[in-house]
Amino acid sequence: MPGTEARETTSALAIPKSTLGVGIIGVSPVWGWAATAHIPALRALPDYEIRALSARSAESAHVVSAVFSDYQQLVIQPDIDVVAVTVKVPHHRELVSAALAAGKAVYCEWPLGRDLDDARALAALAAEHGVRTVVGLQARQAPAIEFVQQLLRDGYVGEVLSTTMVGVSIAGDVLVQPNAYMLDKTNGANLLTVPFGHSLDILSYVLGEFAELSAVSDVRRPLITIEGTGEQIVKTAADQIAVIGTLTSGATASIHIREAVAGGTGFLWEINGTDGTLRITADAALPEIFPLTVAGAQGRNEPADLAIPTALTQRWPALSSLEGTPAFNVARAYAAFAADIANGTNTVPDFNAAVRRHEVIAAIERSAESGKRVKA
């Protein structure tokens, strides 16, 4: 694609338009994250207008006039400022690369790539073309996470001594056909990168990065049944992942995420300090989707629910109708991204943040394979 076109689009983003035109790659009329989260999120925000989709059929148009079967045509449209990539992970590198080469800002779903190499290549390409990026680690945008950060800054727990996360994710025995590709470790979308990855990200975002870690992973249920067909598929991706290590602050941290088990704890994250404890809970280890609740205790008191301030939940009043839905945090990420473009700030996780998360995941894989403690 012509370099002049990329430069013109990039310079246009430097002085943001009042409304950002969005093109979404990967829209299904019956299934998919775009229809569940991205489209409702964007339609709730006055800063955005969905102007084009790349879809397999006209049924996916969602009342958008421009529908392209070829994503290459979408990324070069002059009225598209932001390209959202919502397809399966193995296709991220190809599609994101095309959007970056066209000089477009990109919102790519998490994981950024199949592995660390993919992530580094895309971050380097974004830097080369000088375009803004955001990766779908939208749990950072949850009001509960901002509230926890506020409580920690205010000294609610004192000095953080340790933190523990435990949770369950997707069903452990039966899977729907569209998610069957997650059983193959090489596809890059699995328990480690998705439920574990999102959980790891909020821990690191709030408390700091791992300095060193030890990991154990295993495949405890090697055969998975596909819902509706009864077909059994051999799984190569781990369904049990446990990590313990030391954060750069010196605090001890542990995370254990596993596939769904009968009666298992959905999601529990404790932050223990010299003066108190915070407890964050959800229905599953998918903090980017499920609403988070916060409880706290100081001294020897029992934990009690803490109300998240309205100022945090209502930061963008236009999104109030989405609260409690999978689109809520995605919408807040888009809203923050628009503000970043307008103000020259950087508050959302970009591709460099995604590389860091991929680096820690690679360290977990190295430790689990070698049985040794590794630097993260």
Protein backbone atom coordinates (compact mmCIF):
# COMPACT_ATOMS: atom_id res chain seq x y z
CA MET A 1 0.00 0.00 0.00
CA PRO A 2 1.33 3.47 -0.86
CA GLY A 3 3.49 5.03 1.81
CA THR A 4 1.97 8.45 1.16
CA GLU A 5 -1.46 7.11 2.12
CA ALA A 6 -0.10 5.78 5.41
CA ARG A 7 1.54 9.12 6.21
CA GLU A 8 -1.58 11.11 5.39
CA THR A 9 -3.76 8.90 7.60
CA THR A 10 -1.27 9.05 10.47
CA SER A 11 -1.06 12.84 10.37
CA ALA A 12 -4.86 13.02 10.34
CA LEU A 13 -4.91 11.11 13.60
CA ALA A 14 -2.49 13.59 15.17
CA ILE A 15 -5.36 16.15 15.07
CA PRO A 16 -8.34 13.91 15.90
CA LYS A 17 -11.65 14.41 14.19
CA SER A 18 -14.74 14.95 16.31
CA THR A 19 -15.91 11.46 15.37
CA LEU A 20 -13.56 8.55 14.78
CA GLY A 21 -14.55 6.21 11.97
CA VAL A 22 -14.17 2.54 12.84
CA GLY A 23 -13.80 -0.50 10.61
CA ILE A 24 -14.25 -3.89 12.27
CA ILE A 25 -12.56 -6.97 10.85
CA GLY A 26 -14.27 -10.19 11.90
CA VAL A 27 -18.03 -9.94 12.33
CA SER A 28 -20.32 -12.96 12.49
CA PRO A 29 -24.12 -12.64 12.43
CA VAL A 30 -24.54 -15.41 14.99
CA TRP A 31 -21.33 -15.72 16.99
CA GLY A 32 -18.37 -13.67 18.04
CA TRP A 33 -16.93 -11.03 20.30
CA ALA A 34 -17.50 -8.21 17.82
CA ALA A 35 -21.29 -8.60 17.96
CA THR A 36 -21.26 -9.24 21.71
CA ALA A 37 -18.97 -6.42 22.82
CA HIS A 38 -17.42 -4.16 20.18
CA ILE A 39 -20.55 -3.16 18.27
CA PRO A 40 -22.68 -2.35 21.37
CA ALA A 41 -19.69 -0.51 22.89
CA LEU A 42 -19.04 1.65 19.84
CA ARG A 43 -22.72 2.43 19.30
CA ALA A 44 -22.96 3.75 22.85
CA LEU A 45 -20.10 6.22 22.36
CA PRO A 46 -20.55 9.57 20.59
CA ASP A 47 -16.83 9.70 19.74
CA TYR A 48 -17.10 6.77 17.32
CA GLU A 49 -19.02 5.75 14.24
CA ILE A 50 -18.89 2.25 12.77
CA ARG A 51 -18.35 2.91 9.08
CA ALA A 52 -17.28 -0.45 7.67
CA LEU A 53 -17.14 -4.14 8.44
CA SER A 54 -15.16 -6.97 6.96
CA ALA A 55 -17.47 -9.96 7.04
CA ARG A 56 -18.20 -13.19 5.22
CA SER A 57 -21.79 -12.35 4.41
CA ALA A 58 -24.18 -9.44 4.12
CA GLU A 59 -26.02 -10.84 7.16
CA SER A 60 -23.15 -9.48 9.22
CA ALA A 61 -23.73 -5.90 8.12
CA HIS A 62 -25.41 -4.80 11.36
CA VAL A 63 -26.96 -1.81 9.54
CA VAL A 64 -23.56 -0.59 8.31
CA SER A 65 -23.48 0.49 4.68
CA ALA A 66 -19.91 -0.57 3.80
CA VAL A 67 -19.26 -4.31 4.06
CA PHE A 68 -16.10 -5.76 2.54
CA SER A 69 -15.33 -9.42 1.98
CA ASP A 70 -11.66 -8.44 1.59
CA TYR A 71 -10.11 -6.83 4.66
CA GLN A 72 -7.45 -5.24 2.44
CA GLN A 73 -10.16 -3.00 1.01
CA LEU A 74 -11.42 -2.01 4.45
CA VAL A 75 -8.07 -0.85 5.82
CA ILE A 76 -7.45 1.59 2.97
CA GLN A 77 -10.79 3.41 3.22
CA PRO A 78 -10.08 7.11 3.86
CA ASP A 79 -12.96 7.51 6.34
CA ILE A 80 -11.63 4.76 8.62
CA ASP A 81 -9.49 6.07 11.49
CA VAL A 82 -9.46 2.99 13.74
CA VAL A 83 -9.42 -0.67 12.70
CA ALA A 84 -10.73 -3.18 15.25
CA VAL A 85 -9.40 -6.71 14.79
CA THR A 86 -11.73 -9.24 16.43
CA VAL A 87 -10.89 -12.47 14.61
CA LYS A 88 -9.27 -15.63 15.95
CA VAL A 89 -5.74 -15.19 17.27
CA PRO A 90 -3.84 -17.07 14.50
CA HIS A 91 -4.97 -14.35 12.04
CA HIS A 92 -4.04 -11.35 14.19
CA ARG A 93 -0.56 -10.79 12.80
CA GLU A 94 -1.64 -10.71 9.17
CA LEU A 95 -4.65 -8.45 9.68
CA VAL A 96 -3.09 -6.07 12.19
CA SER A 97 -0.02 -5.72 9.98
CA ALA A 98 -2.21 -4.65 7.05
CA ALA A 99 -4.02 -2.03 9.17
CA LEU A 100 -0.76 -0.66 10.57
CA ALA A 101 0.78 -0.49 7.11
CA ALA A 102 -2.23 1.59 6.03
CA GLY A 103 -1.49 4.03 8.83
CA LYS A 104 -4.58 3.22 10.87
CA ALA A 105 -4.88 3.18 14.63
CA VAL A 106 -5.62 -0.39 15.74
CA TYR A 107 -7.63 -1.98 18.53
CA CYS A 108 -6.59 -5.64 18.56
CA GLU A 109 -8.20 -8.23 20.76
CA TRP A 110 -6.03 -10.03 23.31
CA PRO A 111 -3.82 -12.04 22.91
CA LEU A 112 -2.02 -9.76 20.48
CA GLY A 113 -0.45 -12.74 18.72
CA ARG A 114 0.07 -16.48 18.91
CA ASP A 115 3.31 -15.96 20.81
CA LEU A 116 5.90 -13.44 21.92
CA ASP A 117 7.47 -13.23 18.46
CA ASP A 118 4.13 -12.18 16.93
CA ALA A 119 3.61 -9.56 19.63
CA ARG A 120 7.07 -8.07 19.26
CA ALA A 121 6.76 -7.91 15.48
CA LEU A 122 3.44 -6.05 15.68
CA ALA A 123 4.67 -3.62 18.34
CA ALA A 124 7.71 -2.85 16.20
CA LEU A 125 5.53 -2.30 13.12
CA ALA A 126 3.23 0.06 15.05
CA ALA A 127 6.26 2.07 16.18
CA GLU A 128 7.63 2.14 12.63
CA HIS A 129 4.39 3.60 11.27
CA GLY A 130 3.87 5.90 14.24
CA VAL A 131 0.27 4.89 14.89
CA ARG A 132 -1.65 4.51 18.12
CA THR A 133 -2.65 1.07 19.33
CA VAL A 134 -4.75 -0.53 22.03
CA VAL A 135 -4.93 -4.20 22.99
CA GLY A 136 -8.03 -5.83 24.48
CA LEU A 137 -6.85 -6.09 28.08
CA GLN A 138 -9.97 -4.17 29.06
CA ALA A 139 -10.18 -5.54 32.61
CA ARG A 140 -7.91 -2.60 33.47
CA GLN A 141 -10.84 -0.34 32.65
CA ALA A 142 -13.20 -1.99 35.15
CA PRO A 143 -14.33 0.53 37.80
CA ALA A 144 -13.48 -2.02 40.51
CA ILE A 145 -9.84 -2.10 39.40
CA GLU A 146 -9.58 1.69 39.54
CA PHE A 147 -11.22 1.58 42.99
CA VAL A 148 -8.68 -0.97 44.24
CA GLN A 149 -5.84 1.22 42.96
CA GLN A 150 -7.36 4.16 44.81
CA LEU A 151 -7.65 2.19 48.06
CA LEU A 152 -4.04 1.04 47.80
CA ARG A 153 -2.80 4.60 47.17
CA ASP A 154 -4.77 5.71 50.24
CA GLY A 155 -3.00 3.08 52.38
CA TYR A 156 -6.05 0.88 53.03
CA VAL A 157 -3.93 -2.29 53.40
CA GLY A 158 -0.68 -0.62 54.42
CA GLU A 159 2.36 -2.21 52.81
CA VAL A 160 1.41 -5.03 50.45
CA LEU A 161 2.95 -8.26 51.73
CA SER A 162 1.41 -10.83 49.40
CA THR A 163 -1.33 -11.51 46.90
CA THR A 164 -3.20 -14.61 45.80
CA MET A 165 -5.49 -15.33 42.84
CA VAL A 166 -7.52 -18.47 42.26
CA GLY A 167 -10.20 -19.05 39.66
CA VAL A 168 -11.93 -21.22 37.11
CA SER A 169 -12.55 -20.48 33.47
CA ILE A 170 -14.19 -22.32 30.59
CA ALA A 171 -15.94 -25.66 30.95
CA GLY A 172 -13.54 -28.52 31.46
CA ASP A 173 -15.30 -31.31 29.58
CA VAL A 174 -17.53 -29.89 26.79
CA LEU A 175 -16.76 -27.02 24.43
CA VAL A 176 -18.75 -25.26 21.71
CA GLN A 177 -17.43 -25.71 18.18
CA PRO A 178 -16.31 -22.08 17.59
CA ASN A 179 -13.93 -22.38 20.57
CA ALA A 180 -12.48 -25.76 19.60
CA TYR A 181 -9.39 -24.08 18.18
CA MET A 182 -8.45 -23.09 21.73
CA LEU A 183 -7.62 -26.72 22.48
CA ASP A 184 -4.53 -26.51 20.25
CA LYS A 185 -1.71 -24.80 22.14
CA THR A 186 -0.06 -23.53 18.94
CA ASN A 187 -3.07 -21.33 18.12
CA GLY A 188 -2.20 -19.03 21.02
CA ALA A 189 -5.69 -18.74 22.53
CA ASN A 190 -6.04 -20.99 25.56
CA LEU A 191 -6.31 -21.09 29.33
CA LEU A 192 -2.83 -19.58 29.78
CA THR A 193 -3.23 -16.66 27.40
CA VAL A 194 -6.91 -15.79 27.93
CA PRO A 195 -8.31 -16.43 31.46
CA PHE A 196 -4.85 -16.60 33.03
CA GLY A 197 -3.54 -13.76 30.86
CA HIS A 198 -6.35 -11.34 31.75
CA SER A 199 -6.06 -12.24 35.45
CA LEU A 200 -2.28 -11.85 35.40
CA ASP A 201 -2.64 -8.48 33.69
CA ILE A 202 -4.78 -6.86 36.37
CA LEU A 203 -2.52 -8.22 39.12
CA SER A 204 0.53 -6.75 37.40
CA TYR A 205 -1.26 -3.52 36.49
CA VAL A 206 -2.29 -2.93 40.12
CA LEU A 207 0.65 -4.37 42.08
CA GLY A 208 3.58 -4.40 39.68
CA GLU A 209 5.34 -6.98 37.55
CA PHE A 210 6.77 -10.35 38.49
CA ALA A 211 10.52 -10.24 38.97
CA GLU A 212 10.94 -14.02 39.22
CA LEU A 213 8.50 -16.93 39.11
CA SER A 214 8.07 -20.68 39.20
CA ALA A 215 5.29 -22.34 37.25
CA VAL A 216 3.52 -25.68 36.93
CA SER A 217 1.15 -26.51 34.07
CA ASP A 218 -0.56 -29.71 33.10
CA VAL A 219 -3.22 -31.23 30.86
CA ARG A 220 -5.50 -33.09 33.27
CA ARG A 221 -8.39 -33.61 30.82
CA PRO A 222 -6.82 -34.53 27.47
CA LEU A 223 -10.08 -35.32 25.67
CA ILE A 224 -12.76 -32.66 25.14
CA THR A 225 -16.24 -33.29 23.70
CA ILE A 226 -17.66 -30.83 21.18
CA GLU A 227 -21.16 -29.75 22.13
CA GLY A 228 -23.86 -30.91 19.74
CA THR A 229 -21.70 -33.29 17.70
CA GLY A 230 -20.20 -35.50 20.40
CA GLU A 231 -16.85 -35.35 18.60
CA GLN A 232 -13.87 -35.78 20.91
CA ILE A 233 -10.75 -33.70 20.34
CA VAL A 234 -7.33 -34.20 21.89
CA LYS A 235 -6.30 -31.11 23.83
CA THR A 236 -2.68 -29.92 23.85
CA ALA A 237 -3.22 -26.67 25.77
CA ALA A 238 -2.79 -26.83 29.56
CA ASP A 239 -5.92 -26.85 31.71
CA GLN A 240 -4.10 -26.33 35.02
CA ILE A 241 -1.67 -23.44 35.50
CA ALA A 242 -0.15 -22.40 38.82
CA VAL A 243 2.46 -19.71 39.31
CA ILE A 244 4.21 -18.47 42.42
CA GLY A 245 6.83 -15.79 42.48
CA THR A 246 8.09 -12.46 43.73
CA LEU A 247 6.91 -9.10 42.45
CA THR A 248 9.34 -6.25 41.86
CA SER A 249 8.02 -4.72 45.09
CA GLY A 250 9.15 -7.79 47.02
CA ALA A 251 5.61 -9.05 47.64
CA THR A 252 4.92 -12.77 47.25
CA ALA A 253 2.34 -13.57 44.56
CA SER A 254 0.55 -16.71 43.47
CA ILE A 255 -2.00 -17.42 40.73
CA HIS A 256 -3.81 -20.70 40.05
CA ILE A 257 -6.30 -20.74 37.17
CA ARG A 258 -7.90 -23.97 36.01
CA GLU A 259 -10.73 -25.20 33.86
CA ALA A 260 -14.18 -25.25 35.42
CA VAL A 261 -14.70 -27.75 38.21
CA ALA A 262 -17.86 -28.64 40.11
CA GLY A 263 -18.31 -26.17 42.94
CA GLY A 264 -15.01 -24.41 42.24
CA THR A 265 -14.35 -20.81 43.24
CA GLY A 266 -15.16 -18.58 40.27
CA PHE A 267 -12.56 -15.89 40.89
CA LEU A 268 -11.00 -14.71 44.13
CA TRP A 269 -8.15 -12.24 44.39
CA GLU A 270 -6.78 -11.24 47.77
CA ILE A 271 -4.29 -8.48 48.44
CA ASN A 272 -2.86 -8.81 51.94
CA GLY A 273 -1.01 -5.98 53.66
CA THR A 274 0.37 -4.93 57.01
CA ASP A 275 -2.85 -3.11 57.91
CA GLY A 276 -5.62 -4.81 55.97
CA THR A 277 -6.87 -7.00 53.15
CA LEU A 278 -8.74 -6.41 49.91
CA ARG A 279 -10.79 -9.16 48.31
CA ILE A 280 -11.92 -8.94 44.68
CA THR A 281 -14.38 -11.54 43.38
CA ALA A 282 -16.21 -12.48 40.19
CA ASP A 283 -18.14 -15.42 38.74
CA ALA A 284 -15.17 -16.67 36.69
CA ALA A 285 -11.51 -15.96 36.01
CA LEU A 286 -12.46 -13.62 33.19
CA PRO A 287 -12.24 -10.23 34.92
CA GLU A 288 -12.50 -8.47 31.58
CA ILE A 289 -16.07 -9.79 31.17
CA PHE A 290 -17.61 -10.55 34.54
CA PRO A 291 -18.45 -7.74 37.01
CA LEU A 292 -16.02 -7.48 39.92
CA THR A 293 -16.99 -6.89 43.53
CA VAL A 294 -14.66 -5.47 46.17
CA ALA A 295 -14.59 -6.26 49.89
CA GLY A 296 -12.10 -5.13 52.50
CA ALA A 297 -11.05 -5.49 56.10
CA GLN A 298 -8.63 -3.53 58.25
CA GLY A 299 -6.94 -4.83 61.36
CA ARG A 300 -8.68 -7.99 62.59
CA ASN A 301 -12.13 -7.09 61.30
CA GLU A 302 -14.08 -9.37 58.99
CA PRO A 303 -14.20 -8.37 55.29
CA ALA A 304 -17.19 -6.24 54.32
CA ASP A 305 -18.41 -5.15 50.89
CA LEU A 306 -17.02 -1.81 49.73
CA ALA A 307 -19.17 0.27 47.40
CA ILE A 308 -17.43 1.36 44.22
CA PRO A 309 -17.78 5.16 44.00
CA THR A 310 -20.31 6.42 41.48
CA ALA A 311 -17.68 8.78 40.12
CA LEU A 312 -15.82 5.70 38.83
CA THR A 313 -18.77 3.68 37.54
CA GLN A 314 -20.30 6.74 35.84
CA ARG A 315 -17.14 8.25 34.37
CA TRP A 316 -18.79 7.94 30.95
CA PRO A 317 -22.55 8.28 31.62
CA ALA A 318 -23.39 7.23 28.05
CA LEU A 319 -22.25 3.72 28.97
CA SER A 320 -24.58 3.20 31.93
CA SER A 321 -26.90 0.97 29.89
CA LEU A 322 -23.99 -1.43 29.26
CA GLU A 323 -23.04 -1.90 32.91
CA GLY A 324 -22.98 -5.59 33.82
CA THR A 325 -22.63 -6.69 30.19
CA PRO A 326 -19.52 -7.96 28.34
CA ALA A 327 -19.49 -4.70 26.35
CA PHE A 328 -19.03 -2.43 29.39
CA ASN A 329 -15.27 -2.61 29.87
CA VAL A 330 -14.69 -2.69 26.12
CA ALA A 331 -16.68 0.54 25.81
CA ARG A 332 -14.67 2.12 28.62
CA ALA A 333 -11.46 1.13 26.82
CA TYR A 334 -12.71 2.74 23.60
CA ALA A 335 -13.72 5.87 25.51
CA ALA A 336 -10.29 6.13 27.12
CA PHE A 337 -8.64 5.53 23.74
CA ALA A 338 -10.60 8.39 22.15
CA ALA A 339 -9.56 10.64 25.04
CA ASP A 340 -5.93 9.58 24.56
CA ILE A 341 -6.07 10.48 20.87
CA ALA A 342 -7.67 13.84 21.64
CA ASN A 343 -5.38 14.75 24.53
CA GLY A 344 -2.09 13.14 23.52
CA THR A 345 -2.17 10.87 26.59
CA ASN A 346 -1.49 7.13 26.92
CA THR A 347 -3.85 5.53 29.44
CA VAL A 348 -4.92 2.35 27.64
CA PRO A 349 -2.74 -0.76 27.25
CA ASP A 350 -0.98 -0.51 23.90
CA PHE A 351 1.02 -3.05 21.92
CA ASN A 352 4.08 -2.46 24.11
CA ALA A 353 2.01 -3.40 27.16
CA ALA A 354 0.87 -6.50 25.27
CA VAL A 355 4.50 -7.45 24.61
CA ARG A 356 5.24 -7.27 28.33
CA ARG A 357 2.31 -9.56 29.09
CA HIS A 358 3.47 -11.99 26.40
CA GLU A 359 6.97 -11.91 27.93
CA VAL A 360 5.66 -13.05 31.30
CA ILE A 361 3.55 -15.76 29.67
CA ALA A 362 6.68 -16.97 27.83
CA ALA A 363 8.52 -17.03 31.16
CA ILE A 364 5.71 -19.13 32.66
CA GLU A 365 6.03 -21.59 29.79
CA ARG A 366 9.83 -21.78 30.23
CA SER A 367 9.52 -22.41 33.95
CA ALA A 368 6.81 -25.05 33.56
CA GLU A 369 8.86 -26.86 30.94
CA SER A 370 12.17 -26.71 32.78
CA GLY A 371 10.92 -27.04 36.34
CA LYS A 372 13.13 -24.08 37.30
CA ARG A 373 12.54 -20.63 38.71
CA VAL A 374 13.05 -18.02 36.00
CA LYS A 375 13.30 -14.25 35.64
CA ALA A 376 10.11 -12.73 34.32
